[in-house]
Protein backbone atom coordinates (compact mmCIF):
# COMPACT_ATOMS: atom_id res chain seq x y z
CA MET A 1 34.15 -30.95 10.93
CA ASN A 2 37.77 -31.48 11.08
CA THR A 3 39.23 -30.32 7.95
CA GLN A 4 42.00 -32.82 8.35
CA ARG A 5 39.56 -35.43 8.28
CA GLU A 6 37.59 -33.85 4.98
CA GLN A 7 41.02 -34.06 3.56
CA LEU A 8 41.84 -37.65 4.13
CA ILE A 9 38.31 -38.81 2.80
CA GLN A 10 39.14 -36.64 -0.17
CA THR A 11 42.48 -38.16 -0.83
CA TRP A 12 41.24 -41.81 0.20
CA VAL A 13 38.33 -41.88 -2.27
CA ALA A 14 40.43 -40.58 -4.96
CA SER A 15 42.82 -43.07 -4.61
CA VAL A 16 40.29 -45.87 -4.66
CA LEU A 17 38.30 -44.23 -7.76
CA ASP A 18 41.45 -43.53 -9.35
CA SER A 19 39.95 -40.14 -10.10
CA ASP A 20 39.23 -36.86 -8.22
CA GLN A 21 36.36 -35.56 -10.26
CA PHE A 22 33.83 -36.88 -8.09
CA LYS A 23 31.30 -35.14 -5.87
CA ILE A 24 30.63 -35.88 -2.30
CA ASN A 25 27.35 -35.14 -0.64
CA PHE A 26 27.30 -35.85 3.32
CA LEU A 27 23.57 -37.11 4.20
CA ALA A 28 21.65 -35.82 7.33
CA GLY A 29 22.77 -38.24 10.26
CA ASP A 30 21.98 -39.59 13.64
CA ALA A 31 23.47 -38.63 16.66
CA SER A 32 26.05 -41.46 16.30
CA PHE A 33 29.57 -40.43 14.99
CA ARG A 34 29.25 -42.51 12.07
CA ARG A 35 28.57 -40.42 9.07
CA TYR A 36 27.31 -41.45 5.40
CA ALA A 37 27.92 -39.40 2.31
CA ARG A 38 26.91 -40.29 -1.37
CA ILE A 39 29.90 -40.24 -3.77
CA ILE A 40 29.05 -39.44 -7.31
CA LEU A 41 31.44 -40.25 -10.31
CA ASN A 42 30.10 -39.74 -13.93
CA ASN A 43 26.91 -41.70 -13.47
CA LYS A 44 28.06 -44.03 -10.71
CA THR A 45 27.19 -43.53 -7.20
CA PHE A 46 28.72 -45.28 -3.95
CA MET A 47 27.95 -44.66 -0.15
CA LEU A 48 30.93 -43.52 2.20
CA MET A 49 30.74 -44.68 5.66
CA ASP A 50 33.04 -42.17 7.71
CA ALA A 51 33.68 -43.99 11.47
CA PRO A 52 36.40 -42.22 13.35
CA PRO A 53 38.19 -45.14 14.85
CA ASP A 54 38.55 -43.74 18.04
CA LYS A 55 34.45 -43.07 18.21
CA GLU A 56 33.25 -46.04 16.31
CA ASP A 57 34.27 -49.76 15.39
CA CYS A 58 33.96 -50.73 11.84
CA VAL A 59 35.10 -54.10 12.32
CA PRO A 60 32.06 -56.02 13.42
CA PHE A 61 30.18 -54.26 10.20
CA VAL A 62 32.82 -55.37 7.94
CA LYS A 63 32.86 -58.75 9.04
CA ILE A 64 29.14 -59.41 8.94
CA ASP A 65 28.70 -57.82 5.93
CA ASP A 66 31.27 -60.19 4.38
CA PHE A 67 29.87 -63.16 5.81
CA PHE A 68 26.12 -62.44 4.84
CA ASP A 69 27.47 -60.95 1.24
CA LYS A 70 28.97 -64.60 0.61
CA ASN A 71 25.97 -66.39 2.07
CA GLY A 72 23.62 -64.87 -0.09
CA VAL A 73 21.92 -62.19 2.18
CA ARG A 74 21.29 -58.88 0.01
CA VAL A 75 23.78 -56.39 2.04
CA PRO A 76 25.74 -53.75 0.32
CA HIS A 77 28.96 -54.89 -1.20
CA ILE A 78 32.02 -53.29 0.29
CA VAL A 79 33.95 -51.87 -2.50
CA ALA A 80 36.84 -50.52 -0.48
CA LYS A 81 37.80 -50.09 3.09
CA ASP A 82 40.58 -48.49 5.36
CA LEU A 83 40.10 -49.93 8.76
CA ASP A 84 42.78 -47.81 10.15
CA ASN A 85 41.34 -44.53 9.03
CA GLY A 86 37.73 -45.97 9.78
CA PHE A 87 36.50 -45.39 5.77
CA LEU A 88 34.16 -47.87 3.93
CA LEU A 89 33.00 -47.18 0.48
CA LEU A 90 30.06 -49.20 -0.05
CA GLU A 91 27.58 -50.29 -2.79
CA ASP A 92 24.58 -47.30 -2.78
CA PHE A 93 21.27 -48.92 -2.01
CA GLY A 94 19.67 -45.49 -3.00
CA ASP A 95 17.08 -43.90 -0.64
CA THR A 96 13.76 -45.97 -0.74
CA LEU A 97 13.01 -47.55 2.50
CA LEU A 98 10.30 -49.98 2.63
CA SER A 99 8.44 -48.06 5.33
CA THR A 100 7.70 -45.45 2.53
CA LEU A 101 6.28 -48.01 0.25
CA LEU A 102 3.88 -49.85 2.33
CA ASP A 103 0.19 -49.53 2.43
CA GLU A 104 -3.26 -51.56 2.67
CA ASP A 105 -2.49 -52.69 -0.96
CA THR A 106 1.36 -53.33 -0.85
CA VAL A 107 2.01 -54.67 2.48
CA ASP A 108 1.38 -58.24 1.63
CA ALA A 109 3.46 -58.83 -1.43
CA TYR A 110 6.29 -57.12 0.38
CA TYR A 111 5.96 -58.82 3.79
CA LEU A 112 5.90 -62.21 1.93
CA GLN A 113 8.94 -61.29 0.22
CA CYS A 114 10.73 -60.24 3.67
CA PHE A 115 9.62 -63.63 4.63
CA LYS A 116 11.43 -65.46 2.08
CA GLN A 117 14.44 -63.55 3.04
CA LEU A 118 14.17 -63.97 6.48
CA ILE A 119 13.86 -67.86 5.99
CA GLN A 120 17.01 -67.51 3.62
CA LEU A 121 18.87 -66.00 6.29
CA GLN A 122 17.62 -68.35 8.95
CA SER A 123 19.10 -71.16 6.71
CA ILE A 124 22.67 -69.93 6.99
CA ASP A 125 24.78 -71.83 9.90
CA GLY A 126 25.96 -68.65 12.14
CA THR A 127 27.85 -70.89 14.46
CA GLY A 128 31.13 -69.34 15.85
CA HIS A 129 29.94 -65.93 13.84
CA PHE A 130 27.59 -64.29 16.27
CA PRO A 131 27.25 -64.22 19.96
CA ALA A 132 24.49 -65.88 21.36
CA TYR A 133 21.36 -63.75 22.55
CA ALA A 134 21.69 -65.03 25.82
CA TYR A 135 19.55 -65.11 29.05
CA GLU A 136 21.49 -62.16 30.68
CA LYS A 137 20.92 -60.19 27.72
CA LEU A 138 17.45 -60.72 27.44
CA MET A 139 16.87 -60.05 30.97
CA GLN A 140 19.01 -56.87 30.96
CA GLU A 141 17.06 -55.48 27.97
CA MET A 142 13.67 -56.08 30.08
CA HIS A 143 15.12 -53.96 33.10
CA LEU A 144 15.41 -51.14 30.86
CA LEU A 145 11.80 -50.62 31.73
CA THR A 146 12.26 -50.82 35.34
CA GLU A 147 15.48 -48.63 35.21
CA TRP A 148 13.79 -46.05 32.62
CA MET A 149 10.35 -45.91 32.29
CA LEU A 150 9.00 -46.72 35.78
CA PRO A 151 11.18 -43.92 37.26
CA SER A 152 10.20 -41.30 34.33
CA LEU A 153 6.58 -41.98 35.78
CA LYS A 154 7.70 -41.87 39.63
CA ILE A 155 6.50 -45.34 40.06
CA GLU A 156 8.22 -47.10 43.01
CA THR A 157 7.77 -50.83 43.56
CA ASP A 158 7.96 -52.72 46.67
CA GLN A 159 9.55 -56.10 47.37
CA THR A 160 6.64 -58.40 46.31
CA GLU A 161 6.25 -56.18 43.22
CA LYS A 162 9.82 -56.50 42.05
CA ALA A 163 9.78 -60.12 42.67
CA MET A 164 6.66 -60.55 40.51
CA ILE A 165 8.05 -58.44 37.93
CA GLU A 166 11.50 -60.62 37.97
CA ASN A 167 9.29 -63.57 37.52
CA ALA A 168 7.68 -62.26 34.62
CA PHE A 169 10.92 -61.34 32.79
CA ASP A 170 12.44 -64.79 33.64
CA PHE A 171 9.53 -66.50 32.28
CA LEU A 172 9.99 -64.56 28.81
CA ALA A 173 13.85 -65.16 28.57
CA LYS A 174 13.54 -68.79 28.99
CA GLU A 175 10.65 -68.92 26.47
CA ALA A 176 12.60 -67.15 23.92
CA LEU A 177 15.47 -69.41 24.88
CA ALA A 178 13.20 -72.77 24.13
CA GLN A 179 12.73 -71.52 20.47
CA PRO A 180 14.88 -72.82 17.53
CA GLN A 181 17.99 -70.84 17.65
CA VAL A 182 18.98 -69.11 14.25
CA ILE A 183 20.80 -65.89 12.91
CA VAL A 184 18.98 -62.88 14.33
CA HIS A 185 19.19 -59.54 12.68
CA ARG A 186 17.69 -57.93 15.61
CA ASP A 187 15.98 -54.76 13.97
CA PHE A 188 14.38 -56.53 10.75
CA HIS A 189 11.79 -53.68 10.23
CA SER A 190 10.40 -51.45 7.36
CA ARG A 191 13.13 -48.49 8.18
CA ASN A 192 16.04 -51.30 7.77
CA LEU A 193 14.80 -52.60 4.47
CA MET A 194 15.35 -51.05 1.26
CA LYS A 195 13.77 -51.28 -2.31
CA LEU A 196 16.49 -51.68 -4.76
CA GLU A 197 16.06 -50.69 -8.71
CA ASN A 198 15.62 -53.71 -10.99
CA GLU A 199 15.73 -56.21 -7.91
CA SER A 200 13.02 -58.06 -6.31
CA ASP A 201 15.19 -58.94 -3.13
CA LEU A 202 14.87 -56.04 -0.52
CA GLY A 203 18.30 -54.51 0.64
CA VAL A 204 19.09 -55.47 4.32
CA ILE A 205 20.84 -52.68 6.53
CA ASP A 206 21.75 -51.80 10.12
CA PHE A 207 22.86 -55.56 10.63
CA GLN A 208 25.81 -55.17 12.87
CA ASP A 209 24.02 -56.23 16.15
CA ALA A 210 23.19 -59.69 14.56
CA VAL A 211 23.20 -62.43 17.08
CA ILE A 212 22.14 -66.15 17.27
CA GLY A 213 18.71 -66.34 19.04
CA ALA A 214 14.88 -67.28 18.57
CA TYR A 215 13.40 -67.72 15.32
CA SER A 216 10.52 -65.46 15.83
CA TYR A 217 12.38 -62.58 16.79
CA ASP A 218 12.77 -60.73 13.14
CA LEU A 219 9.39 -61.90 12.54
CA ILE A 220 7.69 -60.00 15.13
CA SER A 221 10.15 -56.96 14.49
CA LEU A 222 8.70 -56.77 11.27
CA THR A 223 4.85 -57.60 11.66
CA ARG A 224 4.63 -55.68 14.91
CA ASP A 225 7.07 -52.67 14.24
CA ALA A 226 7.08 -50.22 16.75
CA TYR A 227 6.34 -47.68 14.00
CA VAL A 228 3.62 -49.01 12.27
CA GLN A 229 0.84 -50.87 13.14
CA TRP A 230 -1.57 -53.69 11.17
CA ASN A 231 -4.65 -55.24 12.07
CA PRO A 232 -4.01 -57.99 14.41
CA GLU A 233 -5.97 -60.74 12.23
CA ARG A 234 -3.79 -59.57 9.52
CA VAL A 235 -0.68 -60.07 11.48
CA TYR A 236 -1.59 -63.59 12.77
CA THR A 237 -2.06 -64.75 8.94
CA TRP A 238 1.34 -63.54 8.40
CA PHE A 239 2.60 -65.55 11.09
CA LYS A 240 0.76 -68.59 9.05
CA GLN A 241 2.40 -67.53 6.23
CA PHE A 242 5.81 -67.41 7.60
CA TYR A 243 5.29 -71.04 9.34
CA ALA A 244 4.35 -72.47 5.94
CA LEU A 245 7.74 -71.24 4.69
CA LEU A 246 9.74 -72.76 7.87
CA PRO A 247 11.88 -76.02 7.21
CA GLU A 248 10.37 -79.36 7.46
CA GLU A 249 12.64 -79.98 10.49
CA ILE A 250 11.10 -77.06 12.27
CA ARG A 251 7.43 -77.59 11.36
CA ALA A 252 7.95 -81.22 12.43
CA ALA A 253 8.84 -80.39 15.75
CA ARG A 254 6.88 -76.96 16.05
CA SER A 255 3.04 -76.73 15.50
CA GLU A 256 1.66 -73.48 13.99
CA GLN A 257 -0.38 -72.95 17.13
CA GLN A 258 3.34 -72.94 18.61
CA LEU A 259 4.96 -70.28 16.42
CA ILE A 260 1.94 -68.16 17.34
CA ARG A 261 2.94 -68.59 20.98
CA ASP A 262 6.74 -68.14 20.50
CA ALA A 263 6.05 -65.06 18.43
CA ASP A 264 3.49 -63.32 20.93
CA LEU A 265 6.12 -64.16 23.86
CA MET A 266 8.67 -62.80 21.78
CA ALA A 267 7.09 -59.58 20.68
CA ILE A 268 6.08 -59.17 24.62
CA GLN A 269 9.54 -59.18 25.66
CA ARG A 270 10.81 -56.71 22.60
CA HIS A 271 8.00 -54.35 23.58
CA ILE A 272 9.12 -54.34 27.24
CA LYS A 273 12.47 -53.67 25.98
CA ILE A 274 11.62 -50.82 23.55
CA LEU A 275 9.44 -49.09 25.97
CA GLY A 276 12.71 -48.75 28.21
CA ILE A 277 14.54 -47.60 25.16
CA PHE A 278 12.26 -45.03 23.79
CA VAL A 279 12.06 -43.41 27.47
CA ARG A 280 15.88 -43.49 27.86
CA LEU A 281 16.40 -41.89 24.46
CA PHE A 282 14.25 -39.28 25.75
CA GLU A 283 15.31 -38.96 29.37
CA ARG A 284 19.19 -39.59 28.76
CA ASP A 285 19.67 -38.36 25.33
CA GLY A 286 17.04 -35.52 24.70
CA LYS A 287 15.44 -37.40 21.95
CA THR A 288 11.86 -36.49 21.53
CA GLY A 289 11.44 -38.23 17.96
CA TYR A 290 10.42 -41.71 19.54
CA LEU A 291 7.69 -40.34 22.33
CA LYS A 292 4.99 -40.48 19.80
CA ASP A 293 5.49 -44.26 18.99
CA LEU A 294 5.56 -45.25 23.00
CA PRO A 295 1.72 -45.41 23.43
CA ARG A 296 1.72 -47.76 20.25
CA VAL A 297 4.35 -50.10 21.78
CA MET A 298 2.44 -49.98 25.21
CA TRP A 299 -0.73 -50.81 23.14
CA TYR A 300 1.01 -53.93 21.73
CA LEU A 301 2.07 -54.95 24.99
CA LEU A 302 -1.39 -54.83 26.37
CA GLU A 303 -3.17 -56.66 23.44
CA GLU A 304 -0.57 -59.37 23.00
CA SER A 305 -0.26 -60.49 26.69
CA LYS A 306 -4.14 -61.32 27.14
CA ASN A 307 -3.88 -64.89 26.56
CA TYR A 308 -1.17 -65.80 28.60
CA THR A 309 -2.08 -66.46 32.43
CA GLU A 310 1.92 -66.84 33.25
CA LEU A 311 1.81 -62.85 32.72
CA GLN A 312 -1.62 -61.72 34.55
CA PRO A 313 0.48 -60.48 37.69
CA PHE A 314 2.64 -58.54 35.69
CA MET A 315 -0.04 -57.40 33.27
CA GLN A 316 -2.38 -56.27 36.28
CA PHE A 317 0.56 -54.51 37.78
CA ILE A 318 0.97 -52.30 34.46
CA HIS A 319 -2.75 -51.99 34.13
CA SER A 320 -3.34 -50.52 37.54
CA LYS A 321 -0.39 -48.90 38.73
CA VAL A 322 1.45 -47.92 35.52
CA MET A 323 -1.10 -46.92 33.19
CA PRO A 324 -2.58 -43.96 34.85
CA ALA A 325 0.71 -42.32 35.03
CA PHE A 326 1.92 -43.59 31.83
CA ILE A 327 -1.36 -42.00 29.86
CA GLU A 328 -1.03 -38.86 31.57
CA LYS A 329 2.70 -38.19 30.52
CA TYR A 330 3.04 -40.32 27.13
CA GLY A 331 -0.73 -40.42 25.93
CA GLN A 332 -3.08 -43.04 24.68
CA TYR A 333 -2.79 -44.87 21.29
CA GLU A 334 -5.72 -44.42 18.93
CA VAL A 335 -6.08 -47.95 17.30
CA VAL A 336 -6.11 -47.92 13.59
CA THR A 337 -7.64 -50.74 11.79
CA ALA A 338 -4.94 -50.78 8.57
């Protein structure tokens, strides 16, 4: 690591905390250019985000964090910032991810808390603060399946198949846009929510890609998590709980059955995207960590699409042409009944 940058960090943190008696522990990071370090001074801790400005842009994070903080979303408070150098000093949320606390006995209470926080997030007027989750973006995401997963399985499509796939994607994108449009976190799942000491609200992280989109999106990110699977009946019970918490004007316009349909179709769009992303992470970036989750995501897609006749030609293609090669390369999901 650049010693000049280390020196910059030391100097900046010392000036912010008005002391040079702190300890700095860098945390194991992802492959992005952004790094995190825990700063300890006396008995107080902070989180340092180090994002070199030529590689990472802190501004979206700062703007959204500030907006969410002012509107009651439990995000880390920003203690100090130096955007020219790419340094942020944040409140320390600790190390307890929600994913480490979920089991048969705890999940219902934790998810109910998540739903309450989600409804609060959706009640904020985000107009002018977030980009729209537009038709082009939804389509582009689903095309990751045709651009990355199909080639990885050596599957070629003819003109008829291409048109059929495009029709299915078009149907899903339009369905998403027809839903009530609210602030969407986009990665609202158990690895991006944290249990905070002495607080009932969960800490929310990794929110810098927030958009205005479908009200069911964050609900399915959480309940149909790419990393953990729950019994489908339980998931539908959660959908009903979420529906009961929705504002009266949305419930007046959309029935409980409509929410279930909305959530199913939104989940299908997301799982098509994730299949493409996980394969891309492997094929392009050499990241193998997500391969074990691919069969689960495919299982979700097969399950959730069963009731929707509009998707049957596309799913027939998945069953007959994709699945044999998929199972051979990536394996098959062993269903658990948690």
